Amino acid sequence: MYREYLRAKIHEAVVTKADADCDGSIGIDLDILDRADIGIYEKVLVADCDNGNRFETYVVAAPRGSGEINILGATAQLSEVGHAVNILAFGFTEYPGSYSTPKIVTFK
């Protein structure tokens, strides 16, 4: 049996752009992705700390060093510029207890 565990978290990042006219995804600064070990096109769960909305989407690259956290496409209706969001990536393992402590990148 496989179990799903949190493996990476970007904690309380601030949304810099919400654009419903783009293809749906979340754009994240490449430096932040490297620090969190989250990949481009990886599925993530996004939780808006200000309004409680949660949604799944995939990651696209925002320019390295920009600090951008961009909510794009239909999900732009679920968050706003200035909101704090938690971005969570999960992984599966067949061996409970073999999963290491998740990488956490904190903004607050």
PDB file of N, CA and C in Angstrom:
ATOM      1  N   MET A   1       0.844  -1.176   0.000  1.00  0.00           N
ATOM      2  CA  MET A   1       0.000   0.000   0.000  1.00  0.00           C
ATOM      3  C   MET A   1       0.890   1.239   0.000  1.00  0.00           C
ATOM      4  N   TYR A   2       0.542   2.193  -0.841  1.00  0.00           N
ATOM      5  CA  TYR A   2       1.260   3.457  -0.878  1.00  0.00           C
ATOM      6  C   TYR A   2       0.547   4.473   0.003  1.00  0.00           C
ATOM      7  N   ARG A   3       1.346   5.343   0.629  1.00  0.00           N
ATOM      8  CA  ARG A   3       0.797   6.449   1.420  1.00  0.00           C
ATOM      9  C   ARG A   3       1.357   7.751   0.869  1.00  0.00           C
ATOM     10  N   GLU A   4       0.552   8.808   0.979  1.00  0.00           N
ATOM     11  CA  GLU A   4       0.956  10.111   0.467  1.00  0.00           C
ATOM     12  C   GLU A   4       1.386  10.999   1.629  1.00  0.00           C
ATOM     13  N   TYR A   5       2.545  11.628   1.476  1.00  0.00           N
ATOM     14  CA  TYR A   5       3.104  12.481   2.533  1.00  0.00           C
ATOM     15  C   TYR A   5       3.477  13.846   1.976  1.00  0.00           C
ATOM     16  N   LEU A   6       3.412  14.853   2.838  1.00  0.00           N
ATOM     17  CA  LEU A   6       3.910  16.176   2.478  1.00  0.00           C
ATOM     18  C   LEU A   6       5.417  16.076   2.293  1.00  0.00           C
ATOM     19  N   ARG A   7       5.928  16.572   1.151  1.00  0.00           N
ATOM     20  CA  ARG A   7       7.369  16.541   0.930  1.00  0.00           C
ATOM     21  C   ARG A   7       7.969  17.937   0.772  1.00  0.00           C
ATOM     22  N   ALA A   8       7.128  18.938   0.459  1.00  0.00           N
ATOM     23  CA  ALA A   8       7.637  20.305   0.308  1.00  0.00           C
ATOM     24  C   ALA A   8       6.511  21.297   0.544  1.00  0.00           C
ATOM     25  N   LYS A   9       6.883  22.454   1.110  1.00  0.00           N
ATOM     26  CA  LYS A   9       5.883  23.491   1.392  1.00  0.00           C
ATOM     27  C   LYS A   9       6.520  24.861   1.233  1.00  0.00           C
ATOM     28  N   ILE A  10       5.820  25.711   0.504  1.00  0.00           N
ATOM     29  CA  ILE A  10       6.168  27.135   0.453  1.00  0.00           C
ATOM     30  C   ILE A  10       5.144  27.814   1.343  1.00  0.00           C
ATOM     31  N   HIS A  11       5.601  28.365   2.463  1.00  0.00           N
ATOM     32  CA  HIS A  11       4.719  28.815   3.546  1.00  0.00           C
ATOM     33  C   HIS A  11       4.521  30.326   3.513  1.00  0.00           C
ATOM     34  N   GLU A  12       3.260  30.734   3.376  1.00  0.00           N
ATOM     35  CA  GLU A  12       2.821  32.126   3.424  1.00  0.00           C
ATOM     36  C   GLU A  12       3.535  33.035   2.424  1.00  0.00           C
ATOM     37  N   ALA A  13       3.646  32.540   1.188  1.00  0.00           N
ATOM     38  CA  ALA A  13       4.132  33.379   0.096  1.00  0.00           C
ATOM     39  C   ALA A  13       3.021  34.352  -0.282  1.00  0.00           C
ATOM     40  N   VAL A  14       3.387  35.530  -0.719  1.00  0.00           N
ATOM     41  CA  VAL A  14       2.399  36.562  -1.048  1.00  0.00           C
ATOM     42  C   VAL A  14       2.138  36.558  -2.549  1.00  0.00           C
ATOM     43  N   VAL A  15       0.863  36.507  -2.915  1.00  0.00           N
ATOM     44  CA  VAL A  15       0.466  36.521  -4.320  1.00  0.00           C
ATOM     45  C   VAL A  15       0.817  37.877  -4.928  1.00  0.00           C
ATOM     46  N   THR A  16       1.576  37.839  -6.040  1.00  0.00           N
ATOM     47  CA  THR A  16       1.999  39.072  -6.706  1.00  0.00           C
ATOM     48  C   THR A  16       1.152  39.392  -7.932  1.00  0.00           C
ATOM     49  N   LYS A  17       0.438  38.376  -8.452  1.00  0.00           N
ATOM     50  CA  LYS A  17      -0.390  38.580  -9.641  1.00  0.00           C
ATOM     51  C   LYS A  17      -1.503  37.546  -9.641  1.00  0.00           C
ATOM     52  N   ALA A  18      -2.697  37.957 -10.039  1.00  0.00           N
ATOM     53  CA  ALA A  18      -3.817  37.041 -10.252  1.00  0.00           C
ATOM     54  C   ALA A  18      -4.421  37.417 -11.603  1.00  0.00           C
ATOM     55  N   ASP A  19      -4.262  36.533 -12.586  1.00  0.00           N
ATOM     56  CA  ASP A  19      -4.652  36.851 -13.956  1.00  0.00           C
ATOM     57  C   ASP A  19      -5.487  35.722 -14.550  1.00  0.00           C
ATOM     58  N   ALA A  20      -6.786  35.970 -14.692  1.00  0.00           N
ATOM     59  CA  ALA A  20      -7.699  34.951 -15.212  1.00  0.00           C
ATOM     60  C   ALA A  20      -7.548  34.747 -16.718  1.00  0.00           C
ATOM     61  N   ASP A  21      -6.863  35.655 -17.408  1.00  0.00           N
ATOM     62  CA  ASP A  21      -6.717  35.556 -18.862  1.00  0.00           C
ATOM     63  C   ASP A  21      -5.534  34.702 -19.299  1.00  0.00           C
ATOM     64  N   CYS A  22      -4.835  34.087 -18.369  1.00  0.00           N
ATOM     65  CA  CYS A  22      -3.708  33.197 -18.696  1.00  0.00           C
ATOM     66  C   CYS A  22      -4.154  31.744 -18.591  1.00  0.00           C
ATOM     67  N   ASP A  23      -3.347  30.847 -19.154  1.00  0.00           N
ATOM     68  CA  ASP A  23      -3.596  29.414 -18.954  1.00  0.00           C
ATOM     69  C   ASP A  23      -3.504  29.110 -17.468  1.00  0.00           C
ATOM     70  N   GLY A  24      -4.338  28.210 -16.993  1.00  0.00           N
ATOM     71  CA  GLY A  24      -4.415  27.904 -15.571  1.00  0.00           C
ATOM     72  C   GLY A  24      -3.167  27.264 -15.021  1.00  0.00           C
ATOM     73  N   SER A  25      -2.671  27.789 -13.924  1.00  0.00           N
ATOM     74  CA  SER A  25      -1.495  27.253 -13.251  1.00  0.00           C
ATOM     75  C   SER A  25      -1.102  28.210 -12.133  1.00  0.00           C
ATOM     76  N   ILE A  26       0.047  27.952 -11.521  1.00  0.00           N
ATOM     77  CA  ILE A  26       0.632  28.893 -10.581  1.00  0.00           C
ATOM     78  C   ILE A  26       2.069  29.133 -11.016  1.00  0.00           C
ATOM     79  N   GLY A  27       2.400  30.390 -11.248  1.00  0.00           N
ATOM     80  CA  GLY A  27       3.760  30.759 -11.630  1.00  0.00           C
ATOM     81  C   GLY A  27       4.561  31.080 -10.370  1.00  0.00           C
ATOM     82  N   ILE A  28       5.699  30.399 -10.219  1.00  0.00           N
ATOM     83  CA  ILE A  28       6.527  30.574  -9.030  1.00  0.00           C
ATOM     84  C   ILE A  28       7.963  30.855  -9.466  1.00  0.00           C
ATOM     85  N   ASP A  29       8.586  31.859  -8.843  1.00  0.00           N
ATOM     86  CA  ASP A  29       9.981  32.213  -9.072  1.00  0.00           C
ATOM     87  C   ASP A  29      10.847  30.944  -9.034  1.00  0.00           C
ATOM     88  N   LEU A  30      11.694  30.762 -10.043  1.00  0.00           N
ATOM     89  CA  LEU A  30      12.548  29.576 -10.125  1.00  0.00           C
ATOM     90  C   LEU A  30      13.463  29.408  -8.906  1.00  0.00           C
ATOM     91  N   ASP A  31      13.906  30.507  -8.309  1.00  0.00           N
ATOM     92  CA  ASP A  31      14.743  30.407  -7.101  1.00  0.00           C
ATOM     93  C   ASP A  31      13.957  29.779  -5.950  1.00  0.00           C
ATOM     94  N   ILE A  32      12.695  30.164  -5.816  1.00  0.00           N
ATOM     95  CA  ILE A  32      11.842  29.611  -4.757  1.00  0.00           C
ATOM     96  C   ILE A  32      11.600  28.121  -5.024  1.00  0.00           C
ATOM     97  N   LEU A  33      11.340  27.775  -6.291  1.00  0.00           N
ATOM     98  CA  LEU A  33      11.139  26.367  -6.633  1.00  0.00           C
ATOM     99  C   LEU A  33      12.360  25.527  -6.298  1.00  0.00           C
ATOM    100  N   ASP A  34      13.540  26.056  -6.583  1.00  0.00           N
ATOM    101  CA  ASP A  34      14.778  25.330  -6.263  1.00  0.00           C
ATOM    102  C   ASP A  34      14.907  25.110  -4.756  1.00  0.00           C
ATOM    103  N   ARG A  35      14.633  26.152  -3.982  1.00  0.00           N
ATOM    104  CA  ARG A  35      14.751  26.043  -2.524  1.00  0.00           C
ATOM    105  C   ARG A  35      13.775  25.025  -1.954  1.00  0.00           C
ATOM    106  N   ALA A  36      12.579  24.930  -2.542  1.00  0.00           N
ATOM    107  CA  ALA A  36      11.550  24.018  -2.046  1.00  0.00           C
ATOM    108  C   ALA A  36      11.629  22.633  -2.697  1.00  0.00           C
ATOM    109  N   ASP A  37      12.446  22.488  -3.736  1.00  0.00           N
ATOM    110  CA  ASP A  37      12.545  21.235  -4.488  1.00  0.00           C
ATOM    111  C   ASP A  37      11.193  20.847  -5.090  1.00  0.00           C
ATOM    112  N   ILE A  38      10.546  21.839  -5.715  1.00  0.00           N
ATOM    113  CA  ILE A  38       9.289  21.617  -6.434  1.00  0.00           C
ATOM    114  C   ILE A  38       9.593  21.826  -7.915  1.00  0.00           C
ATOM    115  N   GLY A  39       9.089  20.923  -8.758  1.00  0.00           N
ATOM    116  CA  GLY A  39       9.413  20.957 -10.174  1.00  0.00           C
ATOM    117  C   GLY A  39       8.385  21.682 -11.020  1.00  0.00           C
ATOM    118  N   ILE A  40       8.845  22.137 -12.173  1.00  0.00           N
ATOM    119  CA  ILE A  40       7.953  22.744 -13.163  1.00  0.00           C
ATOM    120  C   ILE A  40       6.985  21.664 -13.641  1.00  0.00           C
ATOM    121  N   TYR A  41       5.726  22.007 -13.755  1.00  0.00           N
ATOM    122  CA  TYR A  41       4.605  21.141 -14.123  1.00  0.00           C
ATOM    123  C   TYR A  41       4.210  20.147 -13.029  1.00  0.00           C
ATOM    124  N   GLU A  42       4.836  20.260 -11.853  1.00  0.00           N
ATOM    125  CA  GLU A  42       4.429  19.397 -10.734  1.00  0.00           C
ATOM    126  C   GLU A  42       3.073  19.854 -10.199  1.00  0.00           C
ATOM    127  N   LYS A  43       2.247  18.906  -9.823  1.00  0.00           N
ATOM    128  CA  LYS A  43       0.945  19.202  -9.226  1.00  0.00           C
ATOM    129  C   LYS A  43       1.156  19.686  -7.789  1.00  0.00           C
ATOM    130  N   VAL A  44       0.456  20.757  -7.426  1.00  0.00           N
ATOM    131  CA  VAL A  44       0.525  21.290  -6.070  1.00  0.00           C
ATOM    132  C   VAL A  44      -0.877  21.619  -5.563  1.00  0.00           C
ATOM    133  N   LEU A  45      -0.996  21.650  -4.255  1.00  0.00           N
ATOM    134  CA  LEU A  45      -2.204  22.117  -3.586  1.00  0.00           C
ATOM    135  C   LEU A  45      -1.898  23.515  -3.070  1.00  0.00           C
ATOM    136  N   VAL A  46      -2.758  24.463  -3.390  1.00  0.00           N
ATOM    137  CA  VAL A  46      -2.585  25.843  -2.944  1.00  0.00           C
ATOM    138  C   VAL A  46      -3.690  26.164  -1.944  1.00  0.00           C
ATOM    139  N   ALA A  47      -3.305  26.694  -0.788  1.00  0.00           N
ATOM    140  CA  ALA A  47      -4.269  27.095   0.239  1.00  0.00           C
ATOM    141  C   ALA A  47      -4.118  28.587   0.482  1.00  0.00           C
ATOM    142  N   ASP A  48      -5.181  29.336   0.231  1.00  0.00           N
ATOM    143  CA  ASP A  48      -5.174  30.781   0.460  1.00  0.00           C
ATOM    144  C   ASP A  48      -5.442  31.028   1.942  1.00  0.00           C
ATOM    145  N   CYS A  49      -4.468  31.624   2.620  1.00  0.00           N
ATOM    146  CA  CYS A  49      -4.579  31.844   4.071  1.00  0.00           C
ATOM    147  C   CYS A  49      -5.570  32.947   4.423  1.00  0.00           C
ATOM    148  N   ASP A  50      -5.893  33.810   3.461  1.00  0.00           N
ATOM    149  CA  ASP A  50      -6.773  34.941   3.750  1.00  0.00           C
ATOM    150  C   ASP A  50      -8.252  34.645   3.530  1.00  0.00           C
ATOM    151  N   ASN A  51      -8.580  33.764   2.589  1.00  0.00           N
ATOM    152  CA  ASN A  51      -9.999  33.497   2.353  1.00  0.00           C
ATOM    153  C   ASN A  51     -10.379  32.020   2.513  1.00  0.00           C
ATOM    154  N   GLY A  52      -9.388  31.152   2.780  1.00  0.00           N
ATOM    155  CA  GLY A  52      -9.672  29.747   3.028  1.00  0.00           C
ATOM    156  C   GLY A  52      -9.833  28.885   1.787  1.00  0.00           C
ATOM    157  N   ASN A  53      -9.773  29.464   0.602  1.00  0.00           N
ATOM    158  CA  ASN A  53      -9.905  28.667  -0.621  1.00  0.00           C
ATOM    159  C   ASN A  53      -8.703  27.745  -0.785  1.00  0.00           C
ATOM    160  N   ARG A  54      -8.988  26.545  -1.302  1.00  0.00           N
ATOM    161  CA  ARG A  54      -7.944  25.565  -1.599  1.00  0.00           C
ATOM    162  C   ARG A  54      -8.188  25.051  -3.008  1.00  0.00           C
ATOM    163  N   PHE A  55      -7.100  24.873  -3.766  1.00  0.00           N
ATOM    164  CA  PHE A  55      -7.233  24.354  -5.122  1.00  0.00           C
ATOM    165  C   PHE A  55      -5.947  23.658  -5.549  1.00  0.00           C
ATOM    166  N   GLU A  56      -6.121  22.704  -6.464  1.00  0.00           N
ATOM    167  CA  GLU A  56      -4.980  22.018  -7.053  1.00  0.00           C
ATOM    168  C   GLU A  56      -4.705  22.617  -8.422  1.00  0.00           C
ATOM    169  N   THR A  57      -3.424  22.711  -8.758  1.00  0.00           N
ATOM    170  CA  THR A  57      -3.008  23.193 -10.064  1.00  0.00           C
ATOM    171  C   THR A  57      -1.608  22.657 -10.325  1.00  0.00           C
ATOM    172  N   TYR A  58      -0.981  23.155 -11.378  1.00  0.00           N
ATOM    173  CA  TYR A  58       0.387  22.745 -11.685  1.00  0.00           C
ATOM    174  C   TYR A  58       1.280  23.978 -11.730  1.00  0.00           C
ATOM    175  N   VAL A  59       2.571  23.750 -11.581  1.00  0.00           N
ATOM    176  CA  VAL A  59       3.543  24.838 -11.471  1.00  0.00           C
ATOM    177  C   VAL A  59       4.118  25.185 -12.840  1.00  0.00           C
ATOM    178  N   VAL A  60       4.230  26.482 -13.105  1.00  0.00           N
ATOM    179  CA  VAL A  60       5.009  26.985 -14.239  1.00  0.00           C
ATOM    180  C   VAL A  60       6.059  27.939 -13.683  1.00  0.00           C
ATOM    181  N   ALA A  61       7.102  28.138 -14.468  1.00  0.00           N
ATOM    182  CA  ALA A  61       8.225  28.965 -14.015  1.00  0.00           C
ATOM    183  C   ALA A  61       7.914  30.442 -14.151  1.00  0.00           C
ATOM    184  N   ALA A  62       8.212  31.196 -13.098  1.00  0.00           N
ATOM    185  CA  ALA A  62       8.262  32.660 -13.155  1.00  0.00           C
ATOM    186  C   ALA A  62       9.749  33.028 -13.165  1.00  0.00           C
ATOM    187  N   PRO A  63      10.099  34.202 -13.638  1.00  0.00           N
ATOM    188  CA  PRO A  63      11.510  34.549 -13.764  1.00  0.00           C
ATOM    189  C   PRO A  63      12.299  34.398 -12.458  1.00  0.00           C
ATOM    190  N   ARG A  64      13.491  33.837 -12.608  1.00  0.00           N
ATOM    191  CA  ARG A  64      14.393  33.643 -11.471  1.00  0.00           C
ATOM    192  C   ARG A  64      14.710  34.992 -10.808  1.00  0.00           C
ATOM    193  N   GLY A  65      14.586  35.024  -9.487  1.00  0.00           N
ATOM    194  CA  GLY A  65      14.901  36.236  -8.733  1.00  0.00           C
ATOM    195  C   GLY A  65      13.788  37.264  -8.680  1.00  0.00           C
ATOM    196  N   SER A  66      12.657  36.975  -9.311  1.00  0.00           N
ATOM    197  CA  SER A  66      11.559  37.951  -9.377  1.00  0.00           C
ATOM    198  C   SER A  66      10.725  37.983  -8.105  1.00  0.00           C
ATOM    199  N   GLY A  67      10.721  36.875  -7.345  1.00  0.00           N
ATOM    200  CA  GLY A  67       9.866  36.780  -6.164  1.00  0.00           C
ATOM    201  C   GLY A  67       8.396  36.575  -6.491  1.00  0.00           C
ATOM    202  N   GLU A  68       8.098  36.309  -7.753  1.00  0.00           N
ATOM    203  CA  GLU A  68       6.698  36.218  -8.187  1.00  0.00           C
ATOM    204  C   GLU A  68       6.009  34.938  -7.727  1.00  0.00           C
ATOM    205  N   ILE A  69       4.764  35.118  -7.302  1.00  0.00           N
ATOM    206  CA  ILE A  69       3.817  34.039  -7.046  1.00  0.00           C
ATOM    207  C   ILE A  69       2.554  34.453  -7.793  1.00  0.00           C
ATOM    208  N   ASN A  70       2.324  33.849  -8.958  1.00  0.00           N
ATOM    209  CA  ASN A  70       1.247  34.276  -9.854  1.00  0.00           C
ATOM    210  C   ASN A  70       0.161  33.217  -9.935  1.00  0.00           C
ATOM    211  N   ILE A  71      -1.058  33.589  -9.584  1.00  0.00           N
ATOM    212  CA  ILE A  71      -2.206  32.696  -9.700  1.00  0.00           C
ATOM    213  C   ILE A  71      -2.835  32.968 -11.061  1.00  0.00           C
ATOM    214  N   LEU A  72      -2.872  31.937 -11.905  1.00  0.00           N
ATOM    215  CA  LEU A  72      -3.221  32.142 -13.306  1.00  0.00           C
ATOM    216  C   LEU A  72      -4.430  31.306 -13.718  1.00  0.00           C
ATOM    217  N   GLY A  73      -5.154  31.794 -14.701  1.00  0.00           N
ATOM    218  CA  GLY A  73      -6.309  31.065 -15.227  1.00  0.00           C
ATOM    219  C   GLY A  73      -7.500  31.138 -14.298  1.00  0.00           C
ATOM    220  N   ALA A  74      -8.348  30.130 -14.370  1.00  0.00           N
ATOM    221  CA  ALA A  74      -9.592  30.110 -13.600  1.00  0.00           C
ATOM    222  C   ALA A  74      -9.357  30.233 -12.101  1.00  0.00           C
ATOM    223  N   THR A  75      -8.228  29.716 -11.614  1.00  0.00           N
ATOM    224  CA  THR A  75      -7.961  29.778 -10.177  1.00  0.00           C
ATOM    225  C   THR A  75      -7.689  31.198  -9.690  1.00  0.00           C
ATOM    226  N   ALA A  76      -7.478  32.138 -10.614  1.00  0.00           N
ATOM    227  CA  ALA A  76      -7.288  33.537 -10.214  1.00  0.00           C
ATOM    228  C   ALA A  76      -8.520  34.081  -9.505  1.00  0.00           C
ATOM    229  N   GLN A  77      -9.670  33.422  -9.693  1.00  0.00           N
ATOM    230  CA  GLN A  77     -10.889  33.829  -9.006  1.00  0.00           C
ATOM    231  C   GLN A  77     -10.900  33.370  -7.547  1.00  0.00           C
ATOM    232  N   LEU A  78      -9.940  32.513  -7.178  1.00  0.00           N
ATOM    233  CA  LEU A  78      -9.912  31.942  -5.836  1.00  0.00           C
ATOM    234  C   LEU A  78      -8.906  32.612  -4.905  1.00  0.00           C
ATOM    235  N   SER A  79      -8.154  33.563  -5.420  1.00  0.00           N
ATOM    236  CA  SER A  79      -7.155  34.268  -4.610  1.00  0.00           C
ATOM    237  C   SER A  79      -7.038  35.694  -5.133  1.00  0.00           C
ATOM    238  N   GLU A  80      -6.255  36.517  -4.428  1.00  0.00           N
ATOM    239  CA  GLU A  80      -6.082  37.915  -4.831  1.00  0.00           C
ATOM    240  C   GLU A  80      -4.654  38.347  -4.577  1.00  0.00           C
ATOM    241  N   VAL A  81      -4.230  39.365  -5.311  1.00  0.00           N
ATOM    242  CA  VAL A  81      -2.917  39.967  -5.069  1.00  0.00           C
ATOM    243  C   VAL A  81      -2.850  40.418  -3.615  1.00  0.00           C
ATOM    244  N   GLY A  82      -1.750  40.107  -2.957  1.00  0.00           N
ATOM    245  CA  GLY A  82      -1.568  40.475  -1.556  1.00  0.00           C
ATOM    246  C   GLY A  82      -1.948  39.385  -0.570  1.00  0.00           C
ATOM    247  N   HIS A  83      -2.689  38.371  -1.019  1.00  0.00           N
ATOM    248  CA  HIS A  83      -3.053  37.263  -0.136  1.00  0.00           C
ATOM    249  C   HIS A  83      -1.839  36.390   0.136  1.00  0.00           C
ATOM    250  N   ALA A  84      -1.784  35.815   1.319  1.00  0.00           N
ATOM    251  CA  ALA A  84      -0.761  34.830   1.662  1.00  0.00           C
ATOM    252  C   ALA A  84      -1.278  33.452   1.257  1.00  0.00           C
ATOM    253  N   VAL A  85      -0.407  32.655   0.637  1.00  0.00           N
ATOM    254  CA  VAL A  85      -0.778  31.301   0.232  1.00  0.00           C
ATOM    255  C   VAL A  85       0.268  30.302   0.705  1.00  0.00           C
ATOM    256  N   ASN A  86      -0.195  29.109   1.017  1.00  0.00           N
ATOM    257  CA  ASN A  86       0.680  27.974   1.265  1.00  0.00           C
ATOM    258  C   ASN A  86       0.610  27.090   0.031  1.00  0.00           C
ATOM    259  N   ILE A  87       1.761  26.671  -0.456  1.00  0.00           N
ATOM    260  CA  ILE A  87       1.849  25.837  -1.651  1.00  0.00           C
ATOM    261  C   ILE A  87       2.455  24.509  -1.215  1.00  0.00           C
ATOM    262  N   LEU A  88       1.700  23.422  -1.388  1.00  0.00           N
ATOM    263  CA  LEU A  88       2.070  22.127  -0.835  1.00  0.00           C
ATOM    264  C   LEU A  88       2.290  21.103  -1.944  1.00  0.00           C
ATOM    265  N   ALA A  89       3.399  20.382  -1.846  1.00  0.00           N
ATOM    266  CA  ALA A  89       3.694  19.296  -2.782  1.00  0.00           C
ATOM    267  C   ALA A  89       3.778  17.995  -1.988  1.00  0.00           C
ATOM    268  N   PHE A  90       3.218  16.948  -2.537  1.00  0.00           N
ATOM    269  CA  PHE A  90       3.152  15.660  -1.857  1.00  0.00           C
ATOM    270  C   PHE A  90       3.888  14.596  -2.661  1.00  0.00           C
ATOM    271  N   GLY A  91       4.250  13.529  -1.988  1.00  0.00           N
ATOM    272  CA  GLY A  91       4.890  12.400  -2.652  1.00  0.00           C
ATOM    273  C   GLY A  91       4.372  11.109  -2.055  1.00  0.00           C
ATOM    274  N   PHE A  92       4.500  10.030  -2.807  1.00  0.00           N
ATOM    275  CA  PHE A  92       4.029   8.714  -2.372  1.00  0.00           C
ATOM    276  C   PHE A  92       5.216   7.846  -1.963  1.00  0.00           C
ATOM    277  N   THR A  93       4.995   7.025  -0.965  1.00  0.00           N
ATOM    278  CA  THR A  93       5.987   6.026  -0.585  1.00  0.00           C
ATOM    279  C   THR A  93       5.267   4.751  -0.177  1.00  0.00           C
ATOM    280  N   GLU A  94       5.919   3.664  -0.430  1.00  0.00           N
ATOM    281  CA  GLU A  94       5.379   2.365  -0.049  1.00  0.00           C
ATOM    282  C   GLU A  94       5.792   2.007   1.373  1.00  0.00           C
ATOM    283  N   TYR A  95       6.757   2.747   1.911  1.00  0.00           N
ATOM    284  CA  TYR A  95       7.335   2.399   3.202  1.00  0.00           C
ATOM    285  C   TYR A  95       7.113   3.505   4.218  1.00  0.00           C
ATOM    286  N   PRO A  96       6.059   3.422   5.028  1.00  0.00           N
ATOM    287  CA  PRO A  96       5.811   4.437   6.057  1.00  0.00           C
ATOM    288  C   PRO A  96       7.039   4.584   6.955  1.00  0.00           C
ATOM    289  N   GLY A  97       7.329   5.792   7.304  1.00  0.00           N
ATOM    290  CA  GLY A  97       8.484   6.057   8.148  1.00  0.00           C
ATOM    291  C   GLY A  97       9.753   6.293   7.349  1.00  0.00           C
ATOM    292  N   SER A  98       9.723   5.964   6.049  1.00  0.00           N
ATOM    293  CA  SER A  98      10.910   6.181   5.232  1.00  0.00           C
ATOM    294  C   SER A  98      10.932   7.585   4.641  1.00  0.00           C
ATOM    295  N   TYR A  99       9.835   8.288   4.780  1.00  0.00           N
ATOM    296  CA  TYR A  99       9.759   9.630   4.207  1.00  0.00           C
ATOM    297  C   TYR A  99      10.460  10.611   5.132  1.00  0.00           C
ATOM    298  N   SER A 100      11.277  11.477   4.571  1.00  0.00           N
ATOM    299  CA  SER A 100      12.032  12.432   5.383  1.00  0.00           C
ATOM    300  C   SER A 100      11.171  13.653   5.727  1.00  0.00           C
ATOM    301  N   THR A 101      11.695  14.494   6.575  1.00  0.00           N
ATOM    302  CA  THR A 101      11.026  15.736   6.937  1.00  0.00           C
ATOM    303  C   THR A 101      10.869  16.603   5.688  1.00  0.00           C
ATOM    304  N   PRO A 102       9.708  17.193   5.478  1.00  0.00           N
ATOM    305  CA  PRO A 102       9.509  17.998   4.268  1.00  0.00           C
ATOM    306  C   PRO A 102      10.389  19.241   4.255  1.00  0.00           C
ATOM    307  N   LYS A 103      10.751  19.682   3.041  1.00  0.00           N
ATOM    308  CA  LYS A 103      11.452  20.957   2.883  1.00  0.00           C
ATOM    309  C   LYS A 103      10.408  22.049   3.023  1.00  0.00           C
ATOM    310  N   ILE A 104      10.715  23.056   3.823  1.00  0.00           N
ATOM    311  CA  ILE A 104       9.769  24.158   4.033  1.00  0.00           C
ATOM    312  C   ILE A 104      10.494  25.463   3.770  1.00  0.00           C
ATOM    313  N   VAL A 105       9.940  26.253   2.864  1.00  0.00           N
ATOM    314  CA  VAL A 105      10.447  27.591   2.562  1.00  0.00           C
ATOM    315  C   VAL A 105       9.442  28.561   3.174  1.00  0.00           C
ATOM    316  N   THR A 106       9.886  29.376   4.147  1.00  0.00           N
ATOM    317  CA  THR A 106       8.990  30.255   4.883  1.00  0.00           C
ATOM    318  C   THR A 106       9.199  31.709   4.463  1.00  0.00           C
ATOM    319  N   PHE A 107       8.082  32.428   4.284  1.00  0.00           N
ATOM    320  CA  PHE A 107       8.137  33.829   3.913  1.00  0.00           C
ATOM    321  C   PHE A 107       7.818  34.766   5.064  1.00  0.00           C
ATOM    322  N   LYS A 108       7.275  34.256   6.158  1.00  0.00           N
ATOM    323  CA  LYS A 108       6.963  35.119   7.306  1.00  0.00           C
ATOM    324  C   LYS A 108       7.854  34.787   8.455  1.00  0.00           C
TER     325      LYS A 108
END
